[in-house]
Amino acid sequence: MTQAQFKALLTQTLFAPREAARVLIGLGLPKQWLWMALALMAVLNSIVYSVTLQMSPPSDPMSMAMMPPAFHSPLLFTLFLFGALAITVLALYWVGRMLGGQAGLSDVLVLVCWLQVLRLILQAAVAFLVVVLPTLAALLIFVASLWGIYILIGFVDSAHRFENMLKSAGVILLSLVAMAVGLSVLLSMIGVAAMGGA
């Protein structure tokens, strides 16, 4: 993918997510590559997160102490993030299929990978702004969170061929329930691992 194509896809994702999803799915990337890409995105996002945390640690020491063990260690955070992303992929795939969706696992996987590319760009921008303009960084995070929901709904709708944004939003809500259960189990496992390594 050339730089011009990357920029075009980025713009399309922001303003026409359903069309961008069709382009991404149409690439037909192998499933093995996509899982490796997801792992790479977990590593890169964890690095940026760790750097951001070092540059701008929480002002309240208690809030830092209350964070789960996985958020204190870059390695554990990477494992947590990859596990969370894998659970997200599976939840969006299975819940969508149960509600009549037609997405293949690779379809959902490529879209979640691309969302992580966008997240990496956003985190890099936030890491810069949090030092020079912290208020603008907070505003960017808020706007990006809302816009991200819009993009995700469009992606799910396109992947499952629903042609119904409300149904796609329902898939996301139900997936969040499944993800909450999966993540609680994952955090418990990582917490036990962290205590065992202490």
N, C-alpha and C. Protein backbone atom coordinates (compact mmCIF):
# COMPACT_ATOMS: atom_id res chain seq x y z
N MET A 1 0.84 -1.19 0.00
CA MET A 1 0.00 0.00 0.00
C MET A 1 0.88 1.24 0.00
N THR A 2 0.66 2.14 -0.96
CA THR A 2 1.45 3.36 -1.06
C THR A 2 0.99 4.37 -0.01
N GLN A 3 1.78 5.43 0.16
CA GLN A 3 1.44 6.46 1.13
C GLN A 3 0.12 7.14 0.75
N ALA A 4 -0.07 7.37 -0.56
CA ALA A 4 -1.30 8.01 -1.03
C ALA A 4 -2.51 7.11 -0.75
N GLN A 5 -2.36 5.81 -0.98
CA GLN A 5 -3.46 4.88 -0.71
C GLN A 5 -3.77 4.81 0.79
N PHE A 6 -2.71 4.85 1.59
CA PHE A 6 -2.90 4.82 3.05
C PHE A 6 -3.70 6.04 3.50
N LYS A 7 -3.32 7.22 3.01
CA LYS A 7 -4.02 8.45 3.38
C LYS A 7 -5.47 8.41 2.90
N ALA A 8 -5.68 7.88 1.69
CA ALA A 8 -7.04 7.79 1.15
C ALA A 8 -7.89 6.87 1.99
N LEU A 9 -7.32 5.73 2.40
CA LEU A 9 -8.06 4.79 3.22
C LEU A 9 -8.34 5.37 4.61
N LEU A 10 -7.38 6.12 5.13
CA LEU A 10 -7.56 6.77 6.42
C LEU A 10 -8.72 7.77 6.38
N THR A 11 -8.74 8.59 5.32
CA THR A 11 -9.82 9.57 5.16
C THR A 11 -11.16 8.87 4.98
N GLN A 12 -11.17 7.81 4.18
CA GLN A 12 -12.40 7.05 3.95
C GLN A 12 -12.91 6.42 5.24
N THR A 13 -11.99 5.94 6.06
CA THR A 13 -12.38 5.34 7.34
C THR A 13 -13.07 6.36 8.23
N LEU A 14 -12.56 7.58 8.25
CA LEU A 14 -13.11 8.61 9.11
C LEU A 14 -14.49 9.09 8.65
N PHE A 15 -14.69 9.16 7.33
CA PHE A 15 -15.91 9.78 6.83
C PHE A 15 -16.86 8.83 6.10
N ALA A 16 -16.37 7.66 5.71
CA ALA A 16 -17.23 6.66 5.05
C ALA A 16 -16.76 5.27 5.49
N PRO A 17 -16.96 4.94 6.77
CA PRO A 17 -16.39 3.70 7.32
C PRO A 17 -16.90 2.43 6.65
N ARG A 18 -18.15 2.40 6.21
CA ARG A 18 -18.67 1.19 5.57
C ARG A 18 -17.93 0.91 4.26
N GLU A 19 -17.67 1.96 3.49
CA GLU A 19 -16.92 1.78 2.24
C GLU A 19 -15.48 1.39 2.53
N ALA A 20 -14.89 1.99 3.56
CA ALA A 20 -13.51 1.63 3.93
C ALA A 20 -13.43 0.17 4.35
N ALA A 21 -14.45 -0.30 5.07
CA ALA A 21 -14.47 -1.70 5.49
C ALA A 21 -14.50 -2.63 4.29
N ARG A 22 -15.27 -2.27 3.27
CA ARG A 22 -15.33 -3.12 2.07
C ARG A 22 -13.97 -3.18 1.38
N VAL A 23 -13.26 -2.05 1.37
CA VAL A 23 -11.92 -2.02 0.76
C VAL A 23 -10.98 -2.94 1.53
N LEU A 24 -11.01 -2.85 2.85
CA LEU A 24 -10.12 -3.66 3.69
C LEU A 24 -10.43 -5.15 3.54
N ILE A 25 -11.71 -5.49 3.58
CA ILE A 25 -12.10 -6.90 3.43
C ILE A 25 -11.71 -7.41 2.04
N GLY A 26 -11.84 -6.53 1.05
CA GLY A 26 -11.51 -6.90 -0.33
C GLY A 26 -10.04 -7.19 -0.56
N LEU A 27 -9.18 -6.79 0.38
CA LEU A 27 -7.76 -7.08 0.23
C LEU A 27 -7.49 -8.59 0.31
N GLY A 28 -8.36 -9.31 1.01
CA GLY A 28 -8.23 -10.77 1.10
C GLY A 28 -6.94 -11.23 1.76
N LEU A 29 -6.53 -10.54 2.81
CA LEU A 29 -5.27 -10.89 3.48
C LEU A 29 -5.40 -12.22 4.24
N PRO A 30 -4.35 -13.05 4.21
CA PRO A 30 -4.40 -14.35 4.91
C PRO A 30 -4.61 -14.19 6.41
N LYS A 31 -5.34 -15.12 7.00
CA LYS A 31 -5.68 -15.05 8.41
C LYS A 31 -4.43 -15.06 9.29
N GLN A 32 -3.40 -15.86 8.89
CA GLN A 32 -2.18 -15.94 9.70
C GLN A 32 -1.50 -14.57 9.76
N TRP A 33 -1.47 -13.87 8.64
CA TRP A 33 -0.87 -12.55 8.60
C TRP A 33 -1.61 -11.59 9.51
N LEU A 34 -2.92 -11.70 9.50
CA LEU A 34 -3.75 -10.78 10.28
C LEU A 34 -3.55 -10.98 11.78
N TRP A 35 -3.43 -12.25 12.21
CA TRP A 35 -3.16 -12.50 13.62
C TRP A 35 -1.79 -11.94 14.02
N MET A 36 -0.80 -12.09 13.13
CA MET A 36 0.52 -11.54 13.41
C MET A 36 0.47 -10.02 13.45
N ALA A 37 -0.32 -9.43 12.55
CA ALA A 37 -0.47 -7.97 12.52
C ALA A 37 -1.14 -7.49 13.80
N LEU A 38 -2.11 -8.25 14.30
CA LEU A 38 -2.79 -7.88 15.54
C LEU A 38 -1.80 -7.93 16.71
N ALA A 39 -0.96 -8.95 16.73
CA ALA A 39 0.06 -9.05 17.79
C ALA A 39 1.04 -7.88 17.70
N LEU A 40 1.43 -7.51 16.48
CA LEU A 40 2.35 -6.38 16.29
C LEU A 40 1.71 -5.08 16.78
N MET A 41 0.43 -4.90 16.46
CA MET A 41 -0.28 -3.69 16.91
C MET A 41 -0.36 -3.64 18.43
N ALA A 42 -0.53 -4.81 19.06
CA ALA A 42 -0.56 -4.86 20.52
C ALA A 42 0.78 -4.42 21.10
N VAL A 43 1.87 -4.87 20.49
CA VAL A 43 3.21 -4.50 20.95
C VAL A 43 3.44 -2.99 20.77
N LEU A 44 3.13 -2.47 19.58
CA LEU A 44 3.38 -1.05 19.30
C LEU A 44 2.51 -0.14 20.16
N ASN A 45 1.23 -0.51 20.31
CA ASN A 45 0.34 0.30 21.15
C ASN A 45 0.78 0.28 22.61
N SER A 46 1.31 -0.87 23.06
CA SER A 46 1.80 -0.98 24.43
C SER A 46 3.03 -0.10 24.65
N ILE A 47 3.90 -0.04 23.66
CA ILE A 47 5.09 0.81 23.75
C ILE A 47 4.69 2.27 23.89
N VAL A 48 3.78 2.71 23.01
CA VAL A 48 3.33 4.11 23.05
C VAL A 48 2.63 4.40 24.36
N TYR A 49 1.80 3.45 24.83
CA TYR A 49 1.10 3.63 26.11
C TYR A 49 2.10 3.78 27.26
N SER A 50 3.13 2.93 27.27
CA SER A 50 4.13 2.98 28.34
C SER A 50 4.90 4.29 28.32
N VAL A 51 5.25 4.75 27.11
CA VAL A 51 5.97 6.02 26.98
C VAL A 51 5.10 7.17 27.47
N THR A 52 3.82 7.15 27.09
CA THR A 52 2.89 8.19 27.52
C THR A 52 2.74 8.21 29.03
N LEU A 53 2.68 7.02 29.64
CA LEU A 53 2.53 6.92 31.09
C LEU A 53 3.77 7.45 31.80
N GLN A 54 4.95 7.20 31.21
CA GLN A 54 6.19 7.71 31.80
C GLN A 54 6.28 9.24 31.68
N MET A 55 5.82 9.76 30.53
CA MET A 55 5.89 11.20 30.28
C MET A 55 4.87 11.96 31.12
N SER A 56 3.72 11.33 31.34
CA SER A 56 2.65 12.02 32.09
C SER A 56 1.97 11.04 33.03
N PRO A 57 2.63 10.69 34.13
CA PRO A 57 2.02 9.75 35.09
C PRO A 57 0.82 10.39 35.78
N PRO A 58 -0.11 9.56 36.30
CA PRO A 58 -1.27 10.10 37.01
C PRO A 58 -0.84 10.99 38.17
N SER A 59 -1.53 12.12 38.33
CA SER A 59 -1.17 13.06 39.39
C SER A 59 -1.45 12.49 40.78
N ASP A 60 -2.44 11.62 40.86
CA ASP A 60 -2.81 11.01 42.14
C ASP A 60 -2.12 9.64 42.27
N PRO A 61 -1.21 9.46 43.22
CA PRO A 61 -0.52 8.17 43.39
C PRO A 61 -1.49 7.02 43.66
N MET A 62 -2.62 7.32 44.30
CA MET A 62 -3.61 6.28 44.61
C MET A 62 -4.21 5.69 43.34
N SER A 63 -4.44 6.54 42.34
CA SER A 63 -5.02 6.05 41.09
C SER A 63 -4.07 5.11 40.38
N MET A 64 -2.78 5.39 40.49
CA MET A 64 -1.76 4.51 39.91
C MET A 64 -1.73 3.17 40.66
N ALA A 65 -1.86 3.24 41.97
CA ALA A 65 -1.81 2.02 42.78
C ALA A 65 -3.02 1.14 42.55
N MET A 66 -4.15 1.76 42.18
CA MET A 66 -5.39 1.01 41.99
C MET A 66 -5.49 0.37 40.61
N MET A 67 -4.56 0.72 39.71
CA MET A 67 -4.57 0.14 38.38
C MET A 67 -4.25 -1.36 38.45
N PRO A 68 -4.88 -2.18 37.59
CA PRO A 68 -4.58 -3.62 37.59
C PRO A 68 -3.09 -3.87 37.33
N PRO A 69 -2.55 -4.99 37.82
CA PRO A 69 -1.13 -5.29 37.63
C PRO A 69 -0.68 -5.25 36.17
N ALA A 70 -1.58 -5.62 35.26
CA ALA A 70 -1.23 -5.66 33.84
C ALA A 70 -0.85 -4.29 33.31
N PHE A 71 -1.34 -3.21 33.96
CA PHE A 71 -1.09 -1.86 33.46
C PHE A 71 0.23 -1.29 33.98
N HIS A 72 0.89 -2.01 34.86
CA HIS A 72 2.16 -1.54 35.40
C HIS A 72 3.35 -2.09 34.63
N SER A 73 3.18 -3.22 33.99
CA SER A 73 4.27 -3.88 33.28
C SER A 73 4.03 -3.84 31.77
N PRO A 74 4.98 -3.32 30.98
CA PRO A 74 4.80 -3.29 29.52
C PRO A 74 4.53 -4.66 28.92
N LEU A 75 5.23 -5.69 29.44
CA LEU A 75 5.04 -7.04 28.90
C LEU A 75 3.64 -7.56 29.22
N LEU A 76 3.23 -7.41 30.50
CA LEU A 76 1.89 -7.87 30.87
C LEU A 76 0.81 -7.07 30.15
N PHE A 77 1.05 -5.78 29.96
CA PHE A 77 0.06 -4.95 29.25
C PHE A 77 -0.06 -5.40 27.79
N THR A 78 1.07 -5.77 27.18
CA THR A 78 1.03 -6.26 25.81
C THR A 78 0.21 -7.54 25.72
N LEU A 79 0.45 -8.46 26.66
CA LEU A 79 -0.32 -9.70 26.68
C LEU A 79 -1.79 -9.44 26.92
N PHE A 80 -2.09 -8.51 27.84
CA PHE A 80 -3.48 -8.16 28.12
C PHE A 80 -4.14 -7.56 26.88
N LEU A 81 -3.42 -6.63 26.22
CA LEU A 81 -3.99 -5.97 25.05
C LEU A 81 -4.24 -6.94 23.92
N PHE A 82 -3.29 -7.85 23.67
CA PHE A 82 -3.50 -8.82 22.60
C PHE A 82 -4.68 -9.74 22.95
N GLY A 83 -4.75 -10.16 24.21
CA GLY A 83 -5.88 -10.99 24.63
C GLY A 83 -7.20 -10.26 24.47
N ALA A 84 -7.21 -8.97 24.84
CA ALA A 84 -8.42 -8.17 24.71
C ALA A 84 -8.84 -8.01 23.26
N LEU A 85 -7.86 -7.80 22.39
CA LEU A 85 -8.16 -7.66 20.96
C LEU A 85 -8.68 -8.97 20.37
N ALA A 86 -8.07 -10.08 20.77
CA ALA A 86 -8.53 -11.39 20.29
C ALA A 86 -9.97 -11.65 20.74
N ILE A 87 -10.27 -11.31 22.00
CA ILE A 87 -11.64 -11.47 22.51
C ILE A 87 -12.60 -10.57 21.74
N THR A 88 -12.16 -9.37 21.42
CA THR A 88 -13.00 -8.44 20.64
C THR A 88 -13.34 -9.03 19.28
N VAL A 89 -12.33 -9.55 18.60
CA VAL A 89 -12.54 -10.15 17.28
C VAL A 89 -13.55 -11.29 17.36
N LEU A 90 -13.34 -12.20 18.31
CA LEU A 90 -14.21 -13.37 18.44
C LEU A 90 -15.63 -12.97 18.84
N ALA A 91 -15.74 -11.99 19.74
CA ALA A 91 -17.07 -11.55 20.18
C ALA A 91 -17.85 -10.92 19.03
N LEU A 92 -17.21 -10.01 18.29
CA LEU A 92 -17.90 -9.35 17.17
C LEU A 92 -18.26 -10.36 16.08
N TYR A 93 -17.42 -11.36 15.89
CA TYR A 93 -17.69 -12.39 14.88
C TYR A 93 -18.85 -13.28 15.30
N TRP A 94 -18.76 -13.87 16.51
CA TRP A 94 -19.78 -14.83 16.93
C TRP A 94 -21.12 -14.19 17.21
N VAL A 95 -21.14 -13.05 17.87
CA VAL A 95 -22.42 -12.37 18.15
C VAL A 95 -23.08 -11.95 16.85
N GLY A 96 -22.29 -11.41 15.93
CA GLY A 96 -22.84 -11.02 14.63
C GLY A 96 -23.42 -12.20 13.87
N ARG A 97 -22.71 -13.32 13.89
CA ARG A 97 -23.19 -14.52 13.20
C ARG A 97 -24.47 -15.05 13.83
N MET A 98 -24.55 -14.98 15.17
CA MET A 98 -25.75 -15.45 15.85
C MET A 98 -26.98 -14.60 15.50
N LEU A 99 -26.73 -13.35 15.12
CA LEU A 99 -27.83 -12.45 14.76
C LEU A 99 -28.04 -12.38 13.25
N GLY A 100 -27.49 -13.35 12.54
CA GLY A 100 -27.72 -13.43 11.10
C GLY A 100 -26.67 -12.78 10.23
N GLY A 101 -25.56 -12.38 10.83
CA GLY A 101 -24.49 -11.76 10.05
C GLY A 101 -23.75 -12.75 9.17
N GLN A 102 -23.03 -12.22 8.19
CA GLN A 102 -22.35 -13.08 7.21
C GLN A 102 -20.84 -12.91 7.21
N ALA A 103 -20.30 -12.21 8.18
CA ALA A 103 -18.85 -11.95 8.18
C ALA A 103 -18.07 -13.22 8.42
N GLY A 104 -16.93 -13.32 7.76
CA GLY A 104 -15.97 -14.37 8.07
C GLY A 104 -15.05 -13.86 9.17
N LEU A 105 -14.35 -14.75 9.82
CA LEU A 105 -13.44 -14.35 10.90
C LEU A 105 -12.37 -13.39 10.38
N SER A 106 -11.88 -13.66 9.17
CA SER A 106 -10.85 -12.79 8.57
C SER A 106 -11.39 -11.38 8.32
N ASP A 107 -12.69 -11.29 7.99
CA ASP A 107 -13.29 -9.97 7.75
C ASP A 107 -13.23 -9.12 9.01
N VAL A 108 -13.63 -9.71 10.13
CA VAL A 108 -13.61 -8.98 11.40
C VAL A 108 -12.18 -8.70 11.82
N LEU A 109 -11.31 -9.66 11.60
CA LEU A 109 -9.90 -9.54 12.01
C LEU A 109 -9.20 -8.39 11.30
N VAL A 110 -9.40 -8.26 10.00
CA VAL A 110 -8.73 -7.18 9.26
C VAL A 110 -9.24 -5.81 9.71
N LEU A 111 -10.51 -5.73 10.06
CA LEU A 111 -11.08 -4.46 10.49
C LEU A 111 -10.57 -4.06 11.88
N VAL A 112 -10.46 -5.03 12.78
CA VAL A 112 -9.93 -4.73 14.11
C VAL A 112 -8.45 -4.36 14.02
N CYS A 113 -7.71 -5.02 13.14
CA CYS A 113 -6.29 -4.66 12.92
C CYS A 113 -6.16 -3.22 12.45
N TRP A 114 -7.01 -2.83 11.51
CA TRP A 114 -6.96 -1.47 10.97
C TRP A 114 -7.33 -0.45 12.05
N LEU A 115 -8.31 -0.79 12.89
CA LEU A 115 -8.68 0.09 13.99
C LEU A 115 -7.51 0.30 14.94
N GLN A 116 -6.68 -0.73 15.10
CA GLN A 116 -5.51 -0.60 15.97
C GLN A 116 -4.43 0.27 15.34
N VAL A 117 -4.37 0.28 14.01
CA VAL A 117 -3.47 1.21 13.33
C VAL A 117 -3.90 2.65 13.64
N LEU A 118 -5.21 2.89 13.55
CA LEU A 118 -5.75 4.22 13.86
C LEU A 118 -5.48 4.57 15.33
N ARG A 119 -5.64 3.58 16.20
CA ARG A 119 -5.39 3.83 17.63
C ARG A 119 -3.94 4.19 17.87
N LEU A 120 -3.03 3.53 17.15
CA LEU A 120 -1.60 3.82 17.30
C LEU A 120 -1.30 5.26 16.89
N ILE A 121 -1.90 5.70 15.78
CA ILE A 121 -1.71 7.08 15.33
C ILE A 121 -2.25 8.05 16.37
N LEU A 122 -3.44 7.74 16.89
CA LEU A 122 -4.07 8.59 17.90
C LEU A 122 -3.21 8.67 19.16
N GLN A 123 -2.71 7.50 19.63
CA GLN A 123 -1.91 7.49 20.86
C GLN A 123 -0.62 8.27 20.69
N ALA A 124 -0.03 8.20 19.50
CA ALA A 124 1.19 8.97 19.24
C ALA A 124 0.90 10.47 19.30
N ALA A 125 -0.25 10.87 18.72
CA ALA A 125 -0.65 12.28 18.76
C ALA A 125 -0.92 12.73 20.19
N VAL A 126 -1.59 11.89 20.95
CA VAL A 126 -1.89 12.21 22.35
C VAL A 126 -0.61 12.30 23.18
N ALA A 127 0.32 11.39 22.92
CA ALA A 127 1.60 11.40 23.66
C ALA A 127 2.34 12.72 23.44
N PHE A 128 2.22 13.27 22.23
CA PHE A 128 2.86 14.57 21.95
C PHE A 128 2.09 15.71 22.60
N LEU A 129 0.76 15.70 22.43
CA LEU A 129 -0.06 16.81 22.92
C LEU A 129 -0.11 16.88 24.44
N VAL A 130 -0.03 15.71 25.10
CA VAL A 130 -0.15 15.69 26.56
C VAL A 130 0.98 16.47 27.22
N VAL A 131 2.09 16.65 26.51
CA VAL A 131 3.22 17.40 27.04
C VAL A 131 3.06 18.89 26.77
N VAL A 132 2.64 19.24 25.54
CA VAL A 132 2.58 20.66 25.16
C VAL A 132 1.20 21.28 25.39
N LEU A 133 0.14 20.51 25.12
CA LEU A 133 -1.23 21.03 25.27
C LEU A 133 -2.13 19.96 25.88
N PRO A 134 -2.03 19.71 27.18
CA PRO A 134 -2.79 18.63 27.81
C PRO A 134 -4.30 18.76 27.65
N THR A 135 -4.82 19.99 27.65
CA THR A 135 -6.27 20.19 27.48
C THR A 135 -6.72 19.73 26.10
N LEU A 136 -5.93 20.06 25.09
CA LEU A 136 -6.25 19.64 23.73
C LEU A 136 -6.15 18.13 23.60
N ALA A 137 -5.20 17.52 24.30
CA ALA A 137 -5.06 16.06 24.29
C ALA A 137 -6.31 15.40 24.85
N ALA A 138 -6.84 15.94 25.95
CA ALA A 138 -8.06 15.39 26.55
C ALA A 138 -9.24 15.54 25.60
N LEU A 139 -9.33 16.68 24.92
CA LEU A 139 -10.41 16.91 23.96
C LEU A 139 -10.30 15.94 22.79
N LEU A 140 -9.08 15.72 22.32
CA LEU A 140 -8.86 14.80 21.21
C LEU A 140 -9.30 13.38 21.58
N ILE A 141 -8.98 12.95 22.80
CA ILE A 141 -9.38 11.62 23.26
C ILE A 141 -10.91 11.51 23.29
N PHE A 142 -11.58 12.54 23.77
CA PHE A 142 -13.04 12.52 23.87
C PHE A 142 -13.68 12.44 22.48
N VAL A 143 -13.23 13.29 21.57
CA VAL A 143 -13.79 13.31 20.21
C VAL A 143 -13.50 11.99 19.49
N ALA A 144 -12.26 11.49 19.65
CA ALA A 144 -11.86 10.23 18.99
C ALA A 144 -12.68 9.06 19.51
N SER A 145 -13.03 9.08 20.80
CA SER A 145 -13.83 7.99 21.38
C SER A 145 -15.21 7.94 20.73
N LEU A 146 -15.84 9.10 20.59
CA LEU A 146 -17.17 9.16 19.97
C LEU A 146 -17.09 8.78 18.49
N TRP A 147 -16.10 9.31 17.80
CA TRP A 147 -15.93 9.01 16.37
C TRP A 147 -15.61 7.53 16.18
N GLY A 148 -14.86 6.97 17.11
CA GLY A 148 -14.50 5.56 17.02
C GLY A 148 -15.72 4.65 17.10
N ILE A 149 -16.71 5.04 17.89
CA ILE A 149 -17.96 4.26 17.97
C ILE A 149 -18.67 4.27 16.62
N TYR A 150 -18.71 5.46 15.99
CA TYR A 150 -19.33 5.59 14.67
C TYR A 150 -18.63 4.71 13.64
N ILE A 151 -17.30 4.72 13.67
CA ILE A 151 -16.52 3.90 12.73
C ILE A 151 -16.77 2.42 12.98
N LEU A 152 -16.76 2.01 14.25
CA LEU A 152 -16.95 0.60 14.59
C LEU A 152 -18.32 0.10 14.15
N ILE A 153 -19.35 0.91 14.34
CA ILE A 153 -20.70 0.51 13.90
C ILE A 153 -20.71 0.32 12.39
N GLY A 154 -20.10 1.24 11.67
CA GLY A 154 -20.03 1.10 10.21
C GLY A 154 -19.26 -0.12 9.77
N PHE A 155 -18.16 -0.42 10.47
CA PHE A 155 -17.35 -1.59 10.15
C PHE A 155 -18.14 -2.89 10.37
N VAL A 156 -18.81 -2.97 11.54
CA VAL A 156 -19.58 -4.17 11.86
C VAL A 156 -20.72 -4.35 10.85
N ASP A 157 -21.37 -3.25 10.50
CA ASP A 157 -22.48 -3.31 9.55
C ASP A 157 -22.01 -3.81 8.18
N SER A 158 -20.87 -3.31 7.75
CA SER A 158 -20.34 -3.72 6.45
C SER A 158 -19.85 -5.16 6.47
N ALA A 159 -19.15 -5.56 7.55
CA ALA A 159 -18.60 -6.91 7.63
C ALA A 159 -19.70 -7.97 7.65
N HIS A 160 -20.78 -7.71 8.40
CA HIS A 160 -21.86 -8.70 8.54
C HIS A 160 -22.97 -8.53 7.50
N ARG A 161 -22.82 -7.51 6.62
CA ARG A 161 -23.79 -7.26 5.55
C ARG A 161 -25.21 -7.06 6.10
N PHE A 162 -25.33 -6.33 7.19
CA PHE A 162 -26.64 -6.10 7.80
C PHE A 162 -27.45 -5.04 7.03
N GLU A 163 -26.74 -3.99 6.59
CA GLU A 163 -27.41 -2.81 6.03
C GLU A 163 -28.39 -2.24 7.05
N ASN A 164 -28.02 -2.30 8.32
CA ASN A 164 -28.87 -1.84 9.41
C ASN A 164 -27.96 -1.40 10.56
N MET A 165 -27.76 -0.09 10.69
CA MET A 165 -26.81 0.42 11.67
C MET A 165 -27.27 0.14 13.11
N LEU A 166 -28.60 0.13 13.34
CA LEU A 166 -29.11 -0.17 14.68
C LEU A 166 -28.79 -1.61 15.08
N LYS A 167 -28.94 -2.53 14.14
CA LYS A 167 -28.63 -3.93 14.42
C LYS A 167 -27.14 -4.09 14.69
N SER A 168 -26.33 -3.35 13.94
CA SER A 168 -24.88 -3.40 14.14
C SER A 168 -24.51 -2.86 15.52
N ALA A 169 -25.20 -1.79 15.94
CA ALA A 169 -24.97 -1.24 17.28
C ALA A 169 -25.35 -2.27 18.34
N GLY A 170 -26.42 -3.04 18.09
CA GLY A 170 -26.83 -4.09 19.00
C GLY A 170 -25.79 -5.19 19.11
N VAL A 171 -25.17 -5.53 17.98
CA VAL A 171 -24.09 -6.53 17.99
C VAL A 171 -22.95 -6.05 18.88
N ILE A 172 -22.61 -4.77 18.76
CA ILE A 172 -21.52 -4.22 19.56
C ILE A 172 -21.85 -4.25 21.05
N LEU A 173 -23.09 -3.87 21.39
CA LEU A 173 -23.50 -3.88 22.80
C LEU A 173 -23.45 -5.29 23.40
N LEU A 174 -23.97 -6.27 22.65
CA LEU A 174 -23.94 -7.65 23.12
C LEU A 174 -22.50 -8.17 23.19
N SER A 175 -21.69 -7.74 22.24
CA SER A 175 -20.28 -8.15 22.25
C SER A 175 -19.56 -7.59 23.47
N LEU A 176 -19.94 -6.37 23.88
CA LEU A 176 -19.32 -5.77 25.06
C LEU A 176 -19.58 -6.60 26.31
N VAL A 177 -20.77 -7.18 26.39
CA VAL A 177 -21.09 -8.04 27.52
C VAL A 177 -20.18 -9.27 27.52
N ALA A 178 -20.07 -9.90 26.34
CA ALA A 178 -19.21 -11.08 26.21
C ALA A 178 -17.75 -10.72 26.49
N MET A 179 -17.33 -9.53 26.01
CA MET A 179 -15.95 -9.10 26.23
C MET A 179 -15.67 -8.82 27.70
N ALA A 180 -16.67 -8.27 28.40
CA ALA A 180 -16.49 -7.98 29.83
C ALA A 180 -16.19 -9.25 30.61
N VAL A 181 -16.92 -10.32 30.27
CA VAL A 181 -16.69 -11.60 30.93
C VAL A 181 -15.29 -12.13 30.59
N GLY A 182 -14.97 -12.09 29.29
CA GLY A 182 -13.66 -12.58 28.85
C GLY A 182 -12.51 -11.79 29.44
N LEU A 183 -12.66 -10.46 29.51
CA LEU A 183 -11.58 -9.62 30.03
C LEU A 183 -11.40 -9.80 31.54
N SER A 184 -12.49 -10.01 32.25
CA SER A 184 -12.37 -10.24 33.70
C SER A 184 -11.57 -11.52 33.97
N VAL A 185 -11.83 -12.54 33.17
CA VAL A 185 -11.07 -13.79 33.29
C VAL A 185 -9.60 -13.55 32.95
N LEU A 186 -9.38 -12.80 31.84
CA LEU A 186 -8.01 -12.51 31.39
C LEU A 186 -7.24 -11.71 32.45
N LEU A 187 -7.88 -10.69 33.01
CA LEU A 187 -7.21 -9.88 34.04
C LEU A 187 -6.88 -10.71 35.28
N SER A 188 -7.78 -11.62 35.63
CA SER A 188 -7.54 -12.49 36.78
C SER A 188 -6.32 -13.38 36.52
N MET A 189 -6.24 -13.93 35.30
CA MET A 189 -5.10 -14.79 34.96
C MET A 189 -3.79 -14.01 34.99
N ILE A 190 -3.82 -12.77 34.45
CA ILE A 190 -2.59 -11.97 34.42
C ILE A 190 -2.21 -11.53 35.84
N GLY A 191 -3.24 -11.24 36.66
CA GLY A 191 -2.97 -10.88 38.05
C GLY A 191 -2.31 -12.00 38.80
N VAL A 192 -2.78 -13.23 38.58
CA VAL A 192 -2.17 -14.40 39.22
C VAL A 192 -0.73 -14.58 38.73
N ALA A 193 -0.53 -14.38 37.40
CA ALA A 193 0.81 -14.52 36.83
C ALA A 193 1.76 -13.47 37.42
N ALA A 194 1.23 -12.23 37.59
CA ALA A 194 2.07 -11.16 38.14
C ALA A 194 2.46 -11.45 39.59
N MET A 195 1.50 -11.98 40.36
CA MET A 195 1.78 -12.32 41.75
C MET A 195 2.77 -13.48 41.85
N GLY A 196 2.65 -14.42 40.90
CA GLY A 196 3.55 -15.56 40.91
C GLY A 196 4.96 -15.16 40.57
N GLY A 197 5.09 -14.12 39.70
CA GLY A 197 6.43 -13.68 39.30
C GLY A 197 7.04 -12.71 40.28
N ALA A 198 6.24 -12.23 41.25
CA ALA A 198 6.75 -11.26 42.22
C ALA A 198 7.65 -11.91 43.25
